Amino acid sequence: MKFNVNSIKNLAVTSTLALSLTGFAAAQTTTESANSAGNTATQAQSGKNGLGLSADQKSQIKQIRQNQKQQIQAVKADNSLSKDQKKAKVNDIRQNSTSQINGLLTPEQQKKFAEKRANHKGRRHHKHQNS
C-alpha cells in the first residue's frame, strides 16, 4: 500500500481538526454544566419565586394555594351559579388568597410579590391583546 505525501498531510490535518473539535465540545459541555449548577444554586438560595421565603412561609403558602384550588373547583362545579357569578366568586377567592399570602410576607417580600404579580398580569394582558 502506497501513501503519498498529500494523503498523509490531509489525514494529519483531519485528525487534528477532529481532536480539536472534540476538546472544544467537551469544554463547552463542562462550562454549561457549571453554569446550570450555579443557576440551580441561585434559585435554591433565593427560592423558586425569588422572594426568599422561609420553610414555614412556603408551607403556609402551599396550604393557602391548596385551599384556593379546592374552593375554585367547588365554585366551578356549582351549577346553580351563572357564569358571571362563578367568575366573581373565583376573583374573590383569589383576592382573599393573595391577602392571606401578603399577611405572611415581610414588607420587602410584599414589594417583590406585588412586582411579580403586576409583571405577570402585564404579560397576560399583552398576550390577550395579541390573540
N, C-alpha and C. Protein backbone atom coordinates (compact mmCIF):
# COMPACT_ATOMS: atom_id res chain seq x y z
N MET A 1 0.83 -1.17 0.00
CA MET A 1 0.00 0.00 0.00
C MET A 1 0.88 1.24 0.00
N LYS A 2 0.61 2.12 -0.94
CA LYS A 2 1.43 3.33 -1.06
C LYS A 2 0.68 4.53 -0.50
N PHE A 3 1.39 5.35 0.25
CA PHE A 3 0.84 6.61 0.75
C PHE A 3 1.62 7.74 0.10
N ASN A 4 0.91 8.70 -0.43
CA ASN A 4 1.64 9.85 -0.93
C ASN A 4 1.63 10.94 0.14
N VAL A 5 2.44 11.91 -0.02
CA VAL A 5 2.63 12.96 0.97
C VAL A 5 1.34 13.75 1.19
N ASN A 6 0.60 14.02 0.15
CA ASN A 6 -0.64 14.79 0.29
C ASN A 6 -1.69 14.03 1.11
N SER A 7 -1.79 12.74 0.92
CA SER A 7 -2.74 11.92 1.69
C SER A 7 -2.40 11.95 3.17
N ILE A 8 -1.13 11.84 3.48
CA ILE A 8 -0.69 11.86 4.88
C ILE A 8 -0.95 13.23 5.49
N LYS A 9 -0.71 14.29 4.75
CA LYS A 9 -0.96 15.64 5.25
C LYS A 9 -2.46 15.83 5.50
N ASN A 10 -3.29 15.39 4.56
CA ASN A 10 -4.74 15.51 4.73
C ASN A 10 -5.22 14.73 5.94
N LEU A 11 -4.70 13.53 6.13
CA LEU A 11 -5.06 12.71 7.28
C LEU A 11 -4.65 13.39 8.58
N ALA A 12 -3.47 13.96 8.61
CA ALA A 12 -2.98 14.64 9.80
C ALA A 12 -3.83 15.87 10.12
N VAL A 13 -4.16 16.65 9.11
CA VAL A 13 -4.98 17.85 9.31
C VAL A 13 -6.38 17.46 9.79
N THR A 14 -6.99 16.46 9.17
CA THR A 14 -8.32 15.99 9.54
C THR A 14 -8.34 15.47 10.98
N SER A 15 -7.34 14.70 11.33
CA SER A 15 -7.25 14.16 12.70
C SER A 15 -7.10 15.27 13.72
N THR A 16 -6.25 16.22 13.42
CA THR A 16 -6.04 17.35 14.34
C THR A 16 -7.32 18.15 14.51
N LEU A 17 -8.00 18.38 13.40
CA LEU A 17 -9.26 19.12 13.45
C LEU A 17 -10.30 18.37 14.27
N ALA A 18 -10.41 17.08 14.08
CA ALA A 18 -11.38 16.27 14.81
C ALA A 18 -11.09 16.30 16.30
N LEU A 19 -9.82 16.17 16.68
CA LEU A 19 -9.46 16.21 18.09
C LEU A 19 -9.73 17.58 18.70
N SER A 20 -9.47 18.62 17.94
CA SER A 20 -9.72 19.97 18.44
C SER A 20 -11.21 20.20 18.70
N LEU A 21 -12.03 19.76 17.75
CA LEU A 21 -13.47 19.93 17.92
C LEU A 21 -14.00 19.11 19.09
N THR A 22 -13.45 17.91 19.28
CA THR A 22 -13.86 17.08 20.41
C THR A 22 -13.52 17.77 21.73
N GLY A 23 -12.31 18.34 21.81
CA GLY A 23 -11.90 19.06 23.01
C GLY A 23 -12.76 20.28 23.26
N PHE A 24 -13.10 20.99 22.20
CA PHE A 24 -13.95 22.18 22.33
C PHE A 24 -15.34 21.79 22.83
N ALA A 25 -15.90 20.72 22.28
CA ALA A 25 -17.24 20.27 22.69
C ALA A 25 -17.24 19.85 24.16
N ALA A 26 -16.18 19.16 24.58
CA ALA A 26 -16.09 18.73 25.98
C ALA A 26 -15.98 19.93 26.90
N ALA A 27 -15.19 20.92 26.51
CA ALA A 27 -15.04 22.13 27.34
C ALA A 27 -16.35 22.89 27.43
N GLN A 28 -17.06 22.97 26.32
CA GLN A 28 -18.34 23.68 26.32
C GLN A 28 -19.35 22.98 27.21
N THR A 29 -19.40 21.65 27.16
CA THR A 29 -20.32 20.88 27.99
C THR A 29 -20.01 21.10 29.46
N THR A 30 -18.73 21.11 29.81
CA THR A 30 -18.32 21.34 31.20
C THR A 30 -18.75 22.73 31.66
N THR A 31 -18.58 23.74 30.81
CA THR A 31 -18.97 25.10 31.15
C THR A 31 -20.47 25.20 31.32
N GLU A 32 -21.25 24.57 30.43
CA GLU A 32 -22.70 24.61 30.54
C GLU A 32 -23.17 23.93 31.81
N SER A 33 -22.52 22.81 32.18
CA SER A 33 -22.90 22.11 33.41
C SER A 33 -22.63 22.98 34.62
N ALA A 34 -21.49 23.67 34.62
CA ALA A 34 -21.15 24.55 35.74
C ALA A 34 -22.15 25.69 35.83
N ASN A 35 -22.53 26.26 34.68
CA ASN A 35 -23.49 27.36 34.68
C ASN A 35 -24.85 26.91 35.17
N SER A 36 -25.31 25.74 34.74
CA SER A 36 -26.63 25.29 35.19
C SER A 36 -26.61 24.94 36.67
N ALA A 37 -25.49 24.43 37.16
CA ALA A 37 -25.38 24.16 38.59
C ALA A 37 -25.42 25.46 39.37
N GLY A 38 -24.77 26.50 38.85
CA GLY A 38 -24.79 27.80 39.51
C GLY A 38 -26.18 28.39 39.53
N ASN A 39 -26.91 28.26 38.44
CA ASN A 39 -28.29 28.76 38.38
C ASN A 39 -29.17 28.03 39.37
N THR A 40 -28.99 26.71 39.48
CA THR A 40 -29.78 25.94 40.43
C THR A 40 -29.49 26.38 41.85
N ALA A 41 -28.22 26.61 42.15
CA ALA A 41 -27.85 27.05 43.50
C ALA A 41 -28.45 28.41 43.79
N THR A 42 -28.43 29.30 42.80
CA THR A 42 -29.01 30.63 42.99
C THR A 42 -30.51 30.53 43.23
N GLN A 43 -31.19 29.69 42.46
CA GLN A 43 -32.62 29.51 42.65
C GLN A 43 -32.92 28.93 44.01
N ALA A 44 -32.11 27.97 44.45
CA ALA A 44 -32.35 27.37 45.75
C ALA A 44 -32.16 28.39 46.87
N GLN A 45 -31.17 29.26 46.70
CA GLN A 45 -30.90 30.27 47.73
C GLN A 45 -32.02 31.29 47.79
N SER A 46 -32.46 31.77 46.65
CA SER A 46 -33.47 32.83 46.65
C SER A 46 -34.88 32.26 46.61
N GLY A 47 -35.01 30.98 46.39
CA GLY A 47 -36.32 30.38 46.27
C GLY A 47 -36.75 30.43 44.81
N LYS A 48 -37.62 29.54 44.45
CA LYS A 48 -38.07 29.44 43.07
C LYS A 48 -38.69 30.74 42.60
N ASN A 49 -39.37 31.43 43.48
CA ASN A 49 -40.07 32.66 43.10
C ASN A 49 -39.27 33.92 43.38
N GLY A 50 -38.07 33.79 43.93
CA GLY A 50 -37.22 34.94 44.17
C GLY A 50 -37.62 35.79 45.37
N LEU A 51 -38.53 35.31 46.20
CA LEU A 51 -38.96 36.09 47.36
C LEU A 51 -38.13 35.78 48.60
N GLY A 52 -37.33 34.73 48.57
CA GLY A 52 -36.54 34.36 49.74
C GLY A 52 -37.41 33.89 50.89
N LEU A 53 -38.36 33.02 50.59
CA LEU A 53 -39.31 32.54 51.60
C LEU A 53 -38.64 31.56 52.56
N SER A 54 -39.07 31.62 53.82
CA SER A 54 -38.62 30.63 54.79
C SER A 54 -39.41 29.34 54.56
N ALA A 55 -38.96 28.27 55.16
CA ALA A 55 -39.64 26.98 55.03
C ALA A 55 -41.08 27.09 55.57
N ASP A 56 -41.23 27.82 56.66
CA ASP A 56 -42.56 27.99 57.26
C ASP A 56 -43.49 28.77 56.32
N GLN A 57 -42.95 29.83 55.72
CA GLN A 57 -43.76 30.62 54.78
C GLN A 57 -44.17 29.76 53.58
N LYS A 58 -43.22 28.98 53.07
CA LYS A 58 -43.53 28.10 51.93
C LYS A 58 -44.65 27.13 52.27
N SER A 59 -44.57 26.56 53.44
CA SER A 59 -45.58 25.60 53.88
C SER A 59 -46.95 26.26 54.00
N GLN A 60 -47.00 27.43 54.62
CA GLN A 60 -48.27 28.13 54.79
C GLN A 60 -48.85 28.58 53.45
N ILE A 61 -47.99 29.05 52.55
CA ILE A 61 -48.45 29.48 51.23
C ILE A 61 -48.97 28.28 50.44
N LYS A 62 -48.29 27.17 50.57
CA LYS A 62 -48.75 25.95 49.89
C LYS A 62 -50.15 25.58 50.35
N GLN A 63 -50.40 25.70 51.65
CA GLN A 63 -51.72 25.38 52.19
C GLN A 63 -52.77 26.37 51.68
N ILE A 64 -52.43 27.64 51.63
CA ILE A 64 -53.35 28.66 51.10
C ILE A 64 -53.70 28.35 49.64
N ARG A 65 -52.68 28.00 48.86
CA ARG A 65 -52.90 27.69 47.44
C ARG A 65 -53.78 26.44 47.28
N GLN A 66 -53.56 25.44 48.12
CA GLN A 66 -54.39 24.23 48.05
C GLN A 66 -55.84 24.55 48.39
N ASN A 67 -56.04 25.35 49.43
CA ASN A 67 -57.41 25.76 49.79
C ASN A 67 -58.06 26.56 48.65
N GLN A 68 -57.29 27.45 48.06
CA GLN A 68 -57.79 28.24 46.94
C GLN A 68 -58.23 27.33 45.80
N LYS A 69 -57.41 26.37 45.48
CA LYS A 69 -57.72 25.45 44.38
C LYS A 69 -59.01 24.67 44.66
N GLN A 70 -59.16 24.20 45.88
CA GLN A 70 -60.37 23.45 46.26
C GLN A 70 -61.61 24.34 46.18
N GLN A 71 -61.49 25.56 46.67
CA GLN A 71 -62.64 26.48 46.64
C GLN A 71 -63.03 26.81 45.20
N ILE A 72 -62.05 27.03 44.35
CA ILE A 72 -62.34 27.36 42.95
C ILE A 72 -62.99 26.16 42.25
N GLN A 73 -62.50 24.97 42.53
CA GLN A 73 -63.11 23.78 41.95
C GLN A 73 -64.56 23.64 42.38
N ALA A 74 -64.83 23.94 43.65
CA ALA A 74 -66.19 23.85 44.16
C ALA A 74 -67.10 24.87 43.47
N VAL A 75 -66.59 26.08 43.25
CA VAL A 75 -67.37 27.11 42.56
C VAL A 75 -67.66 26.68 41.12
N LYS A 76 -66.64 26.18 40.45
CA LYS A 76 -66.82 25.76 39.06
C LYS A 76 -67.80 24.61 38.93
N ALA A 77 -67.87 23.77 39.95
CA ALA A 77 -68.78 22.61 39.92
C ALA A 77 -70.21 22.98 40.34
N ASP A 78 -70.40 24.18 40.88
CA ASP A 78 -71.72 24.61 41.35
C ASP A 78 -72.57 25.07 40.16
N ASN A 79 -73.51 24.22 39.77
CA ASN A 79 -74.34 24.52 38.60
C ASN A 79 -75.47 25.50 38.89
N SER A 80 -75.62 25.89 40.15
CA SER A 80 -76.67 26.85 40.48
C SER A 80 -76.21 28.29 40.23
N LEU A 81 -74.93 28.48 39.94
CA LEU A 81 -74.39 29.82 39.71
C LEU A 81 -74.28 30.10 38.21
N SER A 82 -74.51 31.35 37.85
CA SER A 82 -74.32 31.75 36.46
C SER A 82 -72.82 31.89 36.19
N LYS A 83 -72.47 32.04 34.93
CA LYS A 83 -71.08 32.21 34.55
C LYS A 83 -70.48 33.46 35.22
N ASP A 84 -71.23 34.54 35.23
CA ASP A 84 -70.75 35.78 35.85
C ASP A 84 -70.58 35.63 37.35
N GLN A 85 -71.52 34.92 37.99
CA GLN A 85 -71.42 34.70 39.44
C GLN A 85 -70.18 33.86 39.77
N LYS A 86 -69.95 32.84 38.95
CA LYS A 86 -68.76 32.00 39.15
C LYS A 86 -67.49 32.83 39.01
N LYS A 87 -67.46 33.65 37.99
CA LYS A 87 -66.28 34.49 37.75
C LYS A 87 -66.03 35.43 38.93
N ALA A 88 -67.09 36.03 39.45
CA ALA A 88 -66.96 36.94 40.59
C ALA A 88 -66.48 36.20 41.83
N LYS A 89 -67.03 35.01 42.07
CA LYS A 89 -66.61 34.24 43.25
C LYS A 89 -65.16 33.80 43.14
N VAL A 90 -64.76 33.37 41.95
CA VAL A 90 -63.37 32.95 41.75
C VAL A 90 -62.43 34.14 41.99
N ASN A 91 -62.80 35.31 41.49
CA ASN A 91 -61.98 36.51 41.73
C ASN A 91 -61.89 36.83 43.22
N ASP A 92 -62.99 36.70 43.94
CA ASP A 92 -62.98 36.93 45.39
C ASP A 92 -62.05 35.94 46.10
N ILE A 93 -62.13 34.68 45.68
CA ILE A 93 -61.28 33.65 46.29
C ILE A 93 -59.81 33.98 46.06
N ARG A 94 -59.49 34.37 44.84
CA ARG A 94 -58.09 34.71 44.51
C ARG A 94 -57.62 35.93 45.29
N GLN A 95 -58.46 36.95 45.40
CA GLN A 95 -58.08 38.14 46.17
C GLN A 95 -57.87 37.79 47.63
N ASN A 96 -58.73 36.96 48.18
CA ASN A 96 -58.61 36.54 49.57
C ASN A 96 -57.30 35.78 49.78
N SER A 97 -56.97 34.89 48.85
CA SER A 97 -55.72 34.13 48.96
C SER A 97 -54.51 35.06 48.90
N THR A 98 -54.56 36.01 47.99
CA THR A 98 -53.46 36.97 47.86
C THR A 98 -53.30 37.78 49.15
N SER A 99 -54.41 38.18 49.75
CA SER A 99 -54.34 38.93 51.02
C SER A 99 -53.74 38.07 52.12
N GLN A 100 -54.13 36.80 52.17
CA GLN A 100 -53.57 35.89 53.18
C GLN A 100 -52.07 35.72 52.98
N ILE A 101 -51.65 35.56 51.74
CA ILE A 101 -50.22 35.41 51.45
C ILE A 101 -49.47 36.68 51.83
N ASN A 102 -50.01 37.83 51.47
CA ASN A 102 -49.37 39.10 51.83
C ASN A 102 -49.19 39.23 53.32
N GLY A 103 -50.14 38.72 54.09
CA GLY A 103 -50.05 38.77 55.54
C GLY A 103 -48.90 37.95 56.10
N LEU A 104 -48.41 36.99 55.32
CA LEU A 104 -47.30 36.14 55.77
C LEU A 104 -45.93 36.73 55.41
N LEU A 105 -45.91 37.70 54.51
CA LEU A 105 -44.66 38.20 53.95
C LEU A 105 -44.14 39.43 54.71
N THR A 106 -42.82 39.57 54.66
CA THR A 106 -42.19 40.78 55.19
C THR A 106 -42.47 41.93 54.20
N PRO A 107 -42.29 43.17 54.60
CA PRO A 107 -42.52 44.29 53.68
C PRO A 107 -41.72 44.17 52.37
N GLU A 108 -40.47 43.74 52.47
CA GLU A 108 -39.64 43.58 51.27
C GLU A 108 -40.20 42.47 50.36
N GLN A 109 -40.62 41.36 50.98
CA GLN A 109 -41.21 40.27 50.20
C GLN A 109 -42.53 40.72 49.57
N GLN A 110 -43.30 41.52 50.31
CA GLN A 110 -44.57 42.01 49.76
C GLN A 110 -44.33 42.85 48.51
N LYS A 111 -43.30 43.67 48.55
CA LYS A 111 -42.97 44.52 47.40
C LYS A 111 -42.61 43.66 46.19
N LYS A 112 -41.75 42.65 46.40
CA LYS A 112 -41.35 41.76 45.31
C LYS A 112 -42.56 40.98 44.78
N PHE A 113 -43.41 40.54 45.69
CA PHE A 113 -44.60 39.77 45.32
C PHE A 113 -45.52 40.63 44.46
N ALA A 114 -45.71 41.87 44.86
CA ALA A 114 -46.56 42.79 44.10
C ALA A 114 -45.97 43.05 42.70
N GLU A 115 -44.65 43.20 42.65
CA GLU A 115 -43.98 43.43 41.36
C GLU A 115 -44.17 42.22 40.44
N LYS A 116 -44.00 41.03 41.00
CA LYS A 116 -44.16 39.81 40.21
C LYS A 116 -45.60 39.67 39.71
N ARG A 117 -46.55 39.99 40.56
CA ARG A 117 -47.95 39.89 40.16
C ARG A 117 -48.27 40.90 39.06
N ALA A 118 -47.76 42.12 39.19
CA ALA A 118 -48.00 43.16 38.18
C ALA A 118 -47.35 42.76 36.86
N ASN A 119 -46.15 42.23 36.94
CA ASN A 119 -45.44 41.79 35.75
C ASN A 119 -46.20 40.64 35.08
N HIS A 120 -46.69 39.72 35.88
CA HIS A 120 -47.45 38.58 35.36
C HIS A 120 -48.75 39.05 34.70
N LYS A 121 -49.44 39.95 35.36
CA LYS A 121 -50.68 40.49 34.79
C LYS A 121 -50.41 41.23 33.49
N GLY A 122 -49.30 41.96 33.44
CA GLY A 122 -48.93 42.69 32.24
C GLY A 122 -48.68 41.75 31.07
N ARG A 123 -48.00 40.65 31.33
CA ARG A 123 -47.74 39.66 30.27
C ARG A 123 -49.03 39.01 29.82
N ARG A 124 -49.92 38.69 30.77
CA ARG A 124 -51.20 38.07 30.42
C ARG A 124 -52.03 39.02 29.58
N HIS A 125 -52.08 40.29 29.99
CA HIS A 125 -52.87 41.30 29.27
C HIS A 125 -52.32 41.46 27.86
N HIS A 126 -51.00 41.53 27.74
CA HIS A 126 -50.35 41.69 26.44
C HIS A 126 -50.63 40.47 25.56
N LYS A 127 -50.62 39.27 26.15
CA LYS A 127 -50.86 38.05 25.40
C LYS A 127 -52.29 38.04 24.86
N HIS A 128 -53.25 38.48 25.67
CA HIS A 128 -54.65 38.51 25.23
C HIS A 128 -54.88 39.53 24.13
N GLN A 129 -54.16 40.63 24.18
CA GLN A 129 -54.31 41.65 23.14
C GLN A 129 -53.81 41.15 21.80
N ASN A 130 -52.77 40.32 21.83
CA ASN A 130 -52.17 39.82 20.60
C ASN A 130 -52.92 38.62 20.03
N SER A 131 -53.84 38.06 20.79
CA SER A 131 -54.56 36.87 20.33
C SER A 131 -55.61 37.20 19.31
